[in-house]
Amino acid sequence: MEVPLANPKHSPIHISEKTYYELPTRTIYQSYPVYHPSREPAGFMQWLERQEPQIAFDPTGLKTRQDWIEAGSLVFNAAVSYGPVFFSAKDLRDPSFFERLGMPVAKDGTIPFARWVIRRKGEVELGSMGCSTCHTRVLPDGTVVPGGQGNNPGDRQGAAMLRQMASAGSSAQLLNRLLKFAKQFEVPWLENDPNRRAQTMSLEEFLAAGDAIPPGVTARSHTSMLLPPQIPDLIGVKDRRFLDHTGLVRHRDIGDLMRYAALVQDAIGLARYSETEPEPSTRGATRYTDEQLYALALYLYSLTPPKNPNQLNAEAVKGKGVFEREGCAGCHAPPLYTNNKLIPVDGFEPPADHRERFDILPARVGTDPRYALQTRKGTGYYKVPSLKGVWYRGPFGHHGSAATLEDWFEPARLSSSYHPTGYAGPDGRERAIKGHEFGLGLSSADRKALIAFLRTL
């Protein structure tokens, strides 16, 4: 299922099927919306405290495909953590938290990145870190887009939480915890692993690194806190043949998507990256049931984009002509606006057998290769992304360096004196956004028209 890493002998070695199925499974309880403090119905928390625990996911009652899709929505929104990660229950009861961190609020006053959960009567717990925490977008008008590129400022929220803990007087202990946390990002087989820099960072440098990561980008497990990836849009995932920016996981059928979800949430942390590494401890690990994974995958396949307000007007029609004239469809072929191929990065030469096993485009686009070479997801490739839905997405680029499409097509971004409008690195300094120079040589009128067309997709 997986494409080998750029150094294939360090490709992940996953736990066995036997070990996986010995992990305890999750019970998905009935959950309830979290409201902005000013929008919460009167007496809502007191009502929650009177509720009995209820199991929400029961596969025995699922008869039709629609039943399974609706059950998949429960899995998508179900918590996998009941402790503070990005935010705490206290944070979400504080109106100033939303103002300080810029946490989006839906038009109905709810916070779609978390849920209140009753596992024991009288105890109302804040649940988060399910799929919805990172893969939900709230549009400027408050519309909630499940599966969209998330825009909860999670890493900034985490930094704020850690800053509060540090101010309580536990700075040294907190720094030690952060150093252990940063170990998951290290790539031991690299001679000059940039992720080792974290071992010499001060507490304030850790917090600044979190502050620098904008909504739409996150330092997810086994990526990098110094090269965090853009959060993918899951709408349209059914038509994508590779998953992750680096195309690490092949997507051939619904079974692959189920396995991918199991890896992302549970099994990737139990992987080894060489035969000499000790077997991981599974203490505290849990997993979804196969029925939960199947329902989740069907739900993700069913997701549709929000209504697009951008019409194919005269300027967009002109932009469509620019798109065709410039050969953009060579990589971003309609109707999917991706050719579903892998592109080698600079510094990596695909092995001969890869051209037979995988769909590789014999071209390079010159984007920053570090994420594809210097992380535990580094295959030596980037997949060709789909352009569908770019009107509601952002920031753009593998690390979300460009805040808008206008910024992505700005020729000045190639200059070392450019200041990225999205993620600018942990130090926030000027740097070039390299590669993908297509469209940068257009006239301003053609560039504007092209962007108008892209926003109609």
Protein backbone atom coordinates (compact mmCIF):
# COMPACT_ATOMS: atom_id res chain seq x y z
CA MET A 1 0.00 0.00 0.00
CA GLU A 2 2.87 2.41 0.76
CA VAL A 3 5.39 3.98 -1.56
CA PRO A 4 8.90 3.34 -0.15
CA LEU A 5 10.72 6.23 1.47
CA ALA A 6 13.51 7.93 -0.45
CA ASN A 7 15.89 5.75 1.56
CA PRO A 8 13.88 2.52 1.18
CA LYS A 9 15.63 0.56 3.92
CA HIS A 10 14.12 2.98 6.42
CA SER A 11 10.54 2.66 5.17
CA PRO A 12 8.11 2.12 8.05
CA ILE A 13 7.76 -1.36 9.48
CA HIS A 14 4.24 -1.54 10.84
CA ILE A 15 2.90 -3.68 13.64
CA SER A 16 1.57 -7.07 12.66
CA GLU A 17 -2.05 -7.81 11.90
CA LYS A 18 -2.18 -9.88 15.09
CA THR A 19 -0.82 -7.03 17.24
CA TYR A 20 -3.16 -4.55 15.59
CA TYR A 21 -6.27 -6.60 16.26
CA GLU A 22 -5.22 -7.12 19.86
CA LEU A 23 -5.50 -3.37 20.48
CA PRO A 24 -8.66 -2.40 22.38
CA THR A 25 -11.29 -0.73 20.22
CA ARG A 26 -12.96 2.63 20.69
CA THR A 27 -16.47 3.06 21.93
CA ILE A 28 -18.09 6.03 20.22
CA TYR A 29 -20.44 7.71 22.65
CA GLN A 30 -23.21 10.17 21.94
CA SER A 31 -21.67 13.63 21.78
CA TYR A 32 -23.04 17.16 21.84
CA PRO A 33 -22.09 20.49 20.25
CA VAL A 34 -19.69 22.93 21.85
CA TYR A 35 -20.94 26.53 21.68
CA HIS A 36 -19.18 29.85 21.84
CA PRO A 37 -19.87 31.10 25.39
CA SER A 38 -22.07 33.94 24.11
CA ARG A 39 -24.16 31.58 21.96
CA GLU A 40 -24.74 28.67 24.32
CA PRO A 41 -28.42 27.95 25.14
CA ALA A 42 -29.41 28.77 28.70
CA GLY A 43 -28.99 25.81 31.03
CA PHE A 44 -27.20 23.73 28.36
CA MET A 45 -24.33 22.52 30.58
CA GLN A 46 -26.72 21.65 33.40
CA TRP A 47 -28.79 19.66 30.90
CA LEU A 48 -25.67 17.80 29.74
CA GLU A 49 -24.84 16.84 33.31
CA ARG A 50 -28.18 15.04 33.57
CA GLN A 51 -27.68 12.95 30.44
CA GLU A 52 -27.01 9.23 30.53
CA PRO A 53 -24.07 7.83 28.56
CA GLN A 54 -25.24 6.45 25.21
CA ILE A 55 -23.32 4.44 22.63
CA ALA A 56 -23.78 6.29 19.34
CA PHE A 57 -22.14 3.89 16.88
CA ASP A 58 -23.87 0.50 16.65
CA PRO A 59 -23.22 -1.32 13.37
CA THR A 60 -26.00 -3.85 13.96
CA GLY A 61 -28.60 -1.25 13.05
CA LEU A 62 -26.97 -0.13 9.80
CA LYS A 63 -28.89 -1.46 6.81
CA THR A 64 -28.43 0.92 3.88
CA ARG A 65 -25.48 2.76 2.37
CA GLN A 66 -26.94 6.02 3.68
CA ASP A 67 -27.11 4.49 7.18
CA TRP A 68 -23.40 3.75 6.97
CA ILE A 69 -22.56 7.22 5.67
CA GLU A 70 -24.47 8.86 8.53
CA ALA A 71 -22.69 6.57 10.98
CA GLY A 72 -19.41 7.62 9.36
CA SER A 73 -20.21 11.20 10.29
CA LEU A 74 -20.26 10.07 13.92
CA VAL A 75 -16.80 8.54 13.50
CA PHE A 76 -15.49 11.66 11.75
CA ASN A 77 -16.60 13.84 14.67
CA ALA A 78 -15.80 11.36 17.44
CA ALA A 79 -13.13 12.29 19.97
CA VAL A 80 -9.95 10.28 20.34
CA SER A 81 -8.64 12.48 23.16
CA TYR A 82 -10.33 13.73 26.31
CA GLY A 83 -7.47 15.83 27.60
CA PRO A 84 -6.27 19.27 26.50
CA VAL A 85 -4.18 19.11 23.31
CA PHE A 86 -4.83 22.30 21.34
CA PHE A 87 -7.36 23.74 23.79
CA SER A 88 -9.01 22.89 27.09
CA ALA A 89 -12.60 22.97 28.29
CA LYS A 90 -11.70 26.10 30.25
CA ASP A 91 -10.44 27.77 27.07
CA LEU A 92 -13.70 27.14 25.25
CA ARG A 93 -15.66 28.69 28.13
CA ASP A 94 -13.60 31.89 27.84
CA PRO A 95 -14.78 34.45 25.21
CA SER A 96 -11.36 36.10 25.12
CA PHE A 97 -9.76 32.83 23.98
CA PHE A 98 -11.55 33.08 20.64
CA GLU A 99 -10.51 36.70 20.17
CA ARG A 100 -6.87 36.11 21.07
CA LEU A 101 -6.36 32.97 18.97
CA GLY A 102 -8.77 33.62 16.09
CA MET A 103 -10.69 30.38 16.53
CA PRO A 104 -13.51 30.27 13.93
CA VAL A 105 -17.12 30.02 15.05
CA ALA A 106 -19.91 28.55 12.89
CA LYS A 107 -22.94 30.67 12.01
CA ASP A 108 -25.04 28.69 14.52
CA GLY A 109 -22.59 29.56 17.29
CA THR A 110 -20.99 26.11 17.49
CA ILE A 111 -17.32 25.15 17.50
CA PRO A 112 -17.04 22.26 15.02
CA PHE A 113 -13.55 21.20 16.11
CA ALA A 114 -14.63 19.61 19.41
CA ARG A 115 -17.61 17.94 21.11
CA TRP A 116 -18.93 17.50 24.63
CA VAL A 117 -19.03 13.80 25.49
CA ILE A 118 -20.81 11.89 28.28
CA ARG A 119 -18.99 8.67 29.16
CA ARG A 120 -20.13 8.68 32.79
CA LYS A 121 -23.30 10.33 34.03
CA GLY A 122 -22.65 13.68 35.60
CA GLU A 123 -19.24 14.10 33.90
CA VAL A 124 -19.12 16.33 30.84
CA GLU A 125 -15.81 15.89 29.03
CA LEU A 126 -14.37 17.87 26.16
CA GLY A 127 -13.48 15.50 23.34
CA SER A 128 -11.25 16.43 20.40
CA MET A 129 -8.49 15.25 18.06
CA GLY A 130 -10.86 13.21 15.90
CA CYS A 131 -10.84 13.76 12.15
CA SER A 132 -13.00 16.88 12.51
CA THR A 133 -10.46 18.77 14.63
CA CYS A 134 -8.07 19.17 11.68
CA HIS A 135 -10.31 18.48 8.70
CA THR A 136 -13.13 20.97 9.19
CA ARG A 137 -13.19 24.47 7.71
CA VAL A 138 -15.37 27.38 8.75
CA LEU A 139 -15.89 29.84 5.90
CA PRO A 140 -16.01 33.61 6.52
CA ASP A 141 -19.84 33.51 6.54
CA GLY A 142 -19.83 30.79 9.21
CA THR A 143 -20.59 27.88 6.86
CA VAL A 144 -19.06 24.64 8.13
CA VAL A 145 -17.25 22.50 5.54
CA PRO A 146 -16.61 18.97 6.86
CA GLY A 147 -13.54 17.49 5.23
CA GLY A 148 -12.25 20.85 4.02
CA GLN A 149 -8.73 22.07 4.69
CA GLY A 150 -9.03 22.82 8.38
CA ASN A 151 -8.62 26.35 9.67
CA ASN A 152 -8.61 25.94 13.40
CA PRO A 153 -5.34 27.55 14.60
CA GLY A 154 -4.36 24.42 16.51
CA ASP A 155 -0.59 24.88 16.76
CA ARG A 156 -1.02 28.46 17.93
CA GLN A 157 -3.57 27.29 20.48
CA GLY A 158 -1.13 24.65 21.67
CA ALA A 159 1.61 27.25 22.06
CA ALA A 160 -0.75 29.47 24.06
CA MET A 161 -1.63 26.56 26.34
CA LEU A 162 2.04 25.74 26.89
CA ARG A 163 2.77 29.39 27.61
CA GLN A 164 0.13 29.33 30.35
CA MET A 165 1.69 26.20 31.82
CA ALA A 166 5.13 27.81 31.75
CA SER A 167 3.83 30.89 33.54
CA ALA A 168 2.57 28.59 36.31
CA GLY A 169 6.18 27.81 37.15
CA SER A 170 6.91 24.48 35.44
CA SER A 171 9.17 25.72 32.63
CA ALA A 172 12.02 23.21 33.05
CA GLN A 173 9.68 20.24 33.28
CA LEU A 174 7.70 21.53 30.31
CA LEU A 175 10.82 21.91 28.18
CA ASN A 176 11.79 18.30 28.92
CA ARG A 177 8.34 17.16 27.78
CA LEU A 178 8.67 19.17 24.60
CA LEU A 179 12.08 17.68 23.84
CA LYS A 180 10.59 14.19 24.14
CA PHE A 181 7.66 15.25 21.96
CA ALA A 182 10.03 16.57 19.29
CA LYS A 183 11.78 13.18 19.06
CA GLN A 184 8.91 11.82 16.96
CA PHE A 185 9.89 14.19 14.15
CA GLU A 186 13.55 13.19 14.01
CA VAL A 187 14.88 11.20 11.05
CA PRO A 188 17.85 9.30 12.57
CA TRP A 189 19.16 7.97 9.26
CA LEU A 190 19.79 11.50 7.93
CA GLU A 191 23.29 12.78 8.56
CA ASN A 192 22.11 16.40 8.80
CA ASP A 193 18.56 15.99 10.07
CA PRO A 194 17.08 19.50 10.47
CA ASN A 195 14.61 18.15 13.01
CA ARG A 196 17.44 17.56 15.51
CA ARG A 197 17.57 21.30 15.90
CA ALA A 198 14.68 20.96 18.34
CA GLN A 199 17.01 19.32 20.88
CA THR A 200 18.83 22.63 21.34
CA MET A 201 15.78 24.89 21.26
CA SER A 202 14.75 26.91 24.28
CA LEU A 203 11.22 26.86 25.60
CA GLU A 204 10.50 30.21 24.01
CA GLU A 205 11.79 28.95 20.65
CA PHE A 206 9.41 26.00 20.88
CA LEU A 207 6.51 28.33 21.61
CA ALA A 208 7.53 30.67 18.78
CA ALA A 209 7.61 27.71 16.39
CA GLY A 210 4.01 26.95 17.33
CA ASP A 211 2.97 30.58 17.02
CA ALA A 212 4.42 30.68 13.48
CA ILE A 213 2.18 27.90 12.13
CA PRO A 214 -0.97 29.43 10.60
CA PRO A 215 -4.44 27.88 10.35
CA GLY A 216 -4.48 25.37 7.50
CA VAL A 217 -1.02 24.03 8.39
CA THR A 218 -0.10 21.70 11.24
CA ALA A 219 2.84 19.75 12.63
CA ARG A 220 1.04 16.42 12.53
CA SER A 221 2.55 13.16 13.76
CA HIS A 222 5.69 12.02 11.93
CA THR A 223 5.98 15.16 9.82
CA SER A 224 8.03 18.03 11.20
CA MET A 225 7.50 20.93 13.56
CA LEU A 226 10.02 22.89 11.47
CA LEU A 227 8.57 21.86 8.08
CA PRO A 228 4.89 21.42 8.93
CA PRO A 229 2.63 20.37 6.05
CA GLN A 230 -0.46 22.05 4.70
CA ILE A 231 -3.61 20.27 5.88
CA PRO A 232 -5.18 18.42 2.94
CA ASP A 233 -8.71 18.94 1.70
CA LEU A 234 -10.50 15.57 1.95
CA ILE A 235 -13.38 16.53 -0.32
CA GLY A 236 -12.93 14.53 -3.51
CA VAL A 237 -10.56 12.03 -1.88
CA LYS A 238 -12.38 9.17 -3.62
CA ASP A 239 -10.75 10.24 -6.90
CA ARG A 240 -7.19 10.60 -5.58
CA ARG A 241 -4.75 7.79 -6.23
CA PHE A 242 -2.11 8.86 -3.67
CA LEU A 243 -2.56 10.22 -0.14
CA ASP A 244 -0.30 12.62 1.81
CA HIS A 245 1.66 15.38 0.11
CA THR A 246 4.47 12.95 -0.59
CA GLY A 247 2.14 10.30 -2.04
CA LEU A 248 3.19 7.92 0.73
CA VAL A 249 -0.01 5.86 0.64
CA ARG A 250 -1.56 4.43 -2.50
CA HIS A 251 -5.33 4.70 -2.74
CA ARG A 252 -6.67 1.89 -4.91
CA ASP A 253 -9.98 1.17 -3.19
CA ILE A 254 -11.96 1.83 -0.03
CA GLY A 255 -9.85 -0.69 1.88
CA ASP A 256 -6.77 1.49 1.38
CA LEU A 257 -8.60 4.53 2.75
CA MET A 258 -9.69 2.49 5.78
CA ARG A 259 -6.11 1.37 6.39
CA TYR A 260 -4.86 4.93 5.92
CA ALA A 261 -7.27 6.21 8.57
CA ALA A 262 -6.09 3.45 10.92
CA LEU A 263 -2.48 4.44 10.31
CA VAL A 264 -3.02 8.17 10.77
CA GLN A 265 -4.96 7.93 14.01
CA ASP A 266 -3.44 4.88 15.64
CA ALA A 267 -0.79 2.72 14.00
CA ILE A 268 1.80 5.18 12.65
CA GLY A 269 3.07 5.89 16.15
CA LEU A 270 3.76 2.17 16.57
CA ALA A 271 5.89 1.89 13.42
CA ARG A 272 9.61 1.18 13.40
CA TYR A 273 11.98 2.63 10.81
CA SER A 274 14.69 0.00 10.91
CA GLU A 275 15.02 -3.65 11.89
CA THR A 276 17.27 -2.67 14.79
CA GLU A 277 14.64 -0.56 16.53
CA PRO A 278 12.92 -2.31 19.45
CA GLU A 279 9.32 -3.42 19.15
CA PRO A 280 7.08 -0.53 20.21
CA SER A 281 4.97 -0.68 23.34
CA THR A 282 1.25 -0.73 22.61
CA ARG A 283 0.35 0.34 26.13
CA GLY A 284 -2.48 2.88 25.97
CA ALA A 285 -2.97 2.39 22.23
CA THR A 286 -6.47 1.91 20.83
CA ARG A 287 -7.99 1.49 17.39
CA TYR A 288 -11.17 1.94 15.42
CA THR A 289 -13.23 -1.14 14.66
CA ASP A 290 -13.31 -2.26 11.04
CA GLU A 291 -16.98 -1.24 10.92
CA GLN A 292 -16.10 2.26 12.14
CA LEU A 293 -13.36 2.56 9.51
CA TYR A 294 -15.71 1.41 6.75
CA ALA A 295 -18.37 3.91 7.79
CA LEU A 296 -15.76 6.69 7.99
CA ALA A 297 -14.42 5.91 4.52
CA LEU A 298 -17.92 5.91 3.01
CA TYR A 299 -18.59 9.24 4.71
CA LEU A 300 -15.40 10.76 3.30
CA TYR A 301 -16.30 9.47 -0.16
CA SER A 302 -19.70 11.16 0.15
CA LEU A 303 -18.43 14.65 1.00
CA THR A 304 -19.23 17.44 -1.44
CA PRO A 305 -17.87 20.99 -1.63
CA PRO A 306 -19.86 24.02 -0.49
CA LYS A 307 -21.76 26.01 -3.08
CA ASN A 308 -19.28 27.98 -5.16
CA PRO A 309 -20.16 31.68 -5.40
CA ASN A 310 -17.66 32.21 -8.24
CA GLN A 311 -19.34 32.06 -11.64
CA LEU A 312 -17.80 31.38 -15.04
CA ASN A 313 -18.06 34.99 -16.17
CA ALA A 314 -16.23 36.63 -19.06
CA GLU A 315 -13.00 37.05 -17.12
CA ALA A 316 -13.07 33.43 -15.93
CA VAL A 317 -13.70 32.26 -19.49
CA LYS A 318 -10.62 34.21 -20.53
CA GLY A 319 -8.73 32.53 -17.67
CA LYS A 320 -9.85 29.12 -18.91
CA GLY A 321 -8.21 29.97 -22.22
CA VAL A 322 -5.01 30.95 -20.39
CA PHE A 323 -5.13 27.65 -18.47
CA GLU A 324 -5.38 25.70 -21.73
CA ARG A 325 -2.84 27.82 -23.63
CA GLU A 326 -0.21 27.54 -20.90
CA GLY A 327 -0.54 23.75 -20.74
CA CYS A 328 -1.71 23.64 -17.12
CA ALA A 329 -3.84 20.60 -17.96
CA GLY A 330 -0.66 18.57 -18.47
CA CYS A 331 -0.54 18.12 -14.69
CA HIS A 332 -3.95 19.42 -13.64
CA ALA A 333 -6.10 17.58 -16.14
CA PRO A 334 -9.86 18.15 -16.03
CA PRO A 335 -12.30 17.00 -14.78
CA LEU A 336 -10.34 16.13 -11.62
CA TYR A 337 -7.76 18.88 -12.24
CA THR A 338 -4.99 16.47 -11.30
CA ASN A 339 -3.34 13.72 -13.31
CA ASN A 340 -2.92 11.71 -10.08
CA LYS A 341 0.81 11.26 -10.70
CA LEU A 342 3.91 11.60 -8.54
CA ILE A 343 6.63 14.15 -9.34
CA PRO A 344 10.24 13.52 -8.19
CA VAL A 345 11.81 16.32 -6.17
CA ASP A 346 15.22 17.80 -6.80
CA GLY A 347 17.87 15.59 -5.22
CA PHE A 348 15.99 12.32 -5.72
CA GLU A 349 16.31 9.93 -8.64
CA PRO A 350 13.46 7.40 -8.88
CA PRO A 351 14.64 3.78 -8.93
CA ALA A 352 13.98 2.00 -12.21
CA ASP A 353 11.31 -0.27 -10.75
CA HIS A 354 9.31 2.73 -9.47
CA ARG A 355 8.39 3.69 -13.02
CA GLU A 356 6.72 0.30 -13.40
CA ARG A 357 5.09 0.21 -9.96
CA PHE A 358 3.89 3.81 -9.62
CA ASP A 359 2.52 6.53 -11.86
CA ILE A 360 5.44 8.96 -12.09
CA LEU A 361 5.54 12.13 -14.16
CA PRO A 362 8.93 12.53 -15.90
CA ALA A 363 9.25 16.17 -14.84
CA ARG A 364 10.30 18.31 -11.90
CA VAL A 365 8.74 21.54 -10.68
CA GLY A 366 11.47 22.71 -8.30
CA THR A 367 9.44 23.13 -5.11
CA ASP A 368 11.19 22.90 -1.75
CA PRO A 369 12.26 19.22 -1.55
CA ARG A 370 12.89 19.03 2.19
CA TYR A 371 9.53 17.63 3.24
CA ALA A 372 9.90 14.88 0.61
CA LEU A 373 13.46 14.03 1.70
CA GLN A 374 13.88 14.99 5.36
CA THR A 375 10.81 13.63 7.15
CA ARG A 376 9.44 10.20 8.00
CA LYS A 377 6.95 10.66 5.17
CA GLY A 378 9.64 11.53 2.64
CA THR A 379 9.21 9.37 -0.45
CA GLY A 380 11.25 11.62 -2.74
CA TYR A 381 8.03 12.65 -4.50
CA TYR A 382 5.21 15.12 -4.25
CA LYS A 383 1.83 14.17 -5.66
CA VAL A 384 0.13 16.45 -8.16
CA PRO A 385 -2.65 18.13 -6.14
CA SER A 386 -6.15 18.73 -7.44
CA LEU A 387 -7.14 22.33 -8.10
CA LYS A 388 -10.80 21.69 -7.38
CA GLY A 389 -12.07 23.78 -4.51
CA VAL A 390 -9.14 26.20 -4.37
CA TRP A 391 -11.68 29.02 -3.93
CA TYR A 392 -12.40 27.96 -0.33
CA ARG A 393 -8.95 26.61 0.53
CA GLY A 394 -5.70 28.18 1.70
CA PRO A 395 -2.92 28.72 2.50
CA PHE A 396 -1.22 27.13 -0.51
CA GLY A 397 1.97 25.17 -1.15
CA HIS A 398 3.26 22.07 0.62
CA HIS A 399 3.84 24.13 3.76
CA GLY A 400 1.07 26.68 3.25
CA SER A 401 3.60 29.41 2.50
CA ALA A 402 1.28 31.46 0.28
CA ALA A 403 -1.87 32.75 1.94
CA THR A 404 -3.86 33.31 -1.28
CA LEU A 405 -3.85 32.35 -4.94
CA GLU A 406 -2.68 35.90 -5.73
CA ASP A 407 0.34 35.28 -3.50
CA TRP A 408 1.04 31.93 -5.17
CA PHE A 409 1.14 33.60 -8.59
CA GLU A 410 3.24 36.52 -7.35
CA PRO A 411 6.62 36.48 -9.17
CA ALA A 412 8.30 38.17 -6.20
CA ARG A 413 7.86 34.98 -4.16
CA LEU A 414 10.95 33.53 -5.89
CA SER A 415 13.15 36.19 -4.30
CA SER A 416 15.14 35.40 -1.15
CA SER A 417 13.97 38.76 0.24
CA TYR A 418 10.29 37.76 -0.05
CA HIS A 419 8.29 37.44 3.14
CA PRO A 420 5.83 34.54 2.84
CA THR A 421 2.25 35.54 3.52
CA GLY A 422 1.40 32.11 4.95
CA TYR A 423 3.84 29.93 6.85
CA ALA A 424 7.17 31.76 6.97
CA GLY A 425 9.17 29.20 8.96
CA PRO A 426 9.79 29.02 12.71
CA ASP A 427 11.84 32.22 12.65
CA GLY A 428 9.39 34.18 10.45
CA ARG A 429 12.17 35.57 8.27
CA GLU A 430 12.20 36.43 4.58
CA ARG A 431 12.73 33.51 2.25
CA ALA A 432 11.78 32.44 -1.26
CA ILE A 433 8.83 30.21 -2.01
CA LYS A 434 10.60 28.13 -4.62
CA GLY A 435 9.38 26.21 -7.61
CA HIS A 436 6.20 25.80 -9.63
CA GLU A 437 7.01 28.85 -11.72
CA PHE A 438 4.11 28.19 -14.08
CA GLY A 439 2.00 31.30 -14.44
CA LEU A 440 4.56 33.65 -12.93
CA GLY A 441 5.50 35.04 -16.34
CA LEU A 442 1.95 35.97 -17.31
CA SER A 443 0.81 39.53 -17.77
CA SER A 444 -1.09 40.91 -14.80
CA ALA A 445 -4.33 40.73 -16.80
CA ASP A 446 -3.81 37.09 -17.78
CA ARG A 447 -2.80 36.22 -14.22
CA LYS A 448 -5.96 37.82 -12.85
CA ALA A 449 -8.09 35.97 -15.39
CA LEU A 450 -6.41 32.64 -14.60
CA ILE A 451 -7.08 33.08 -10.90
CA ALA A 452 -10.71 33.96 -11.68
CA PHE A 453 -11.03 30.67 -13.59
CA LEU A 454 -9.36 28.61 -10.87
CA ARG A 455 -11.83 29.97 -8.35
CA THR A 456 -14.71 28.53 -10.38
CA LEU A 457 -13.42 24.96 -10.02
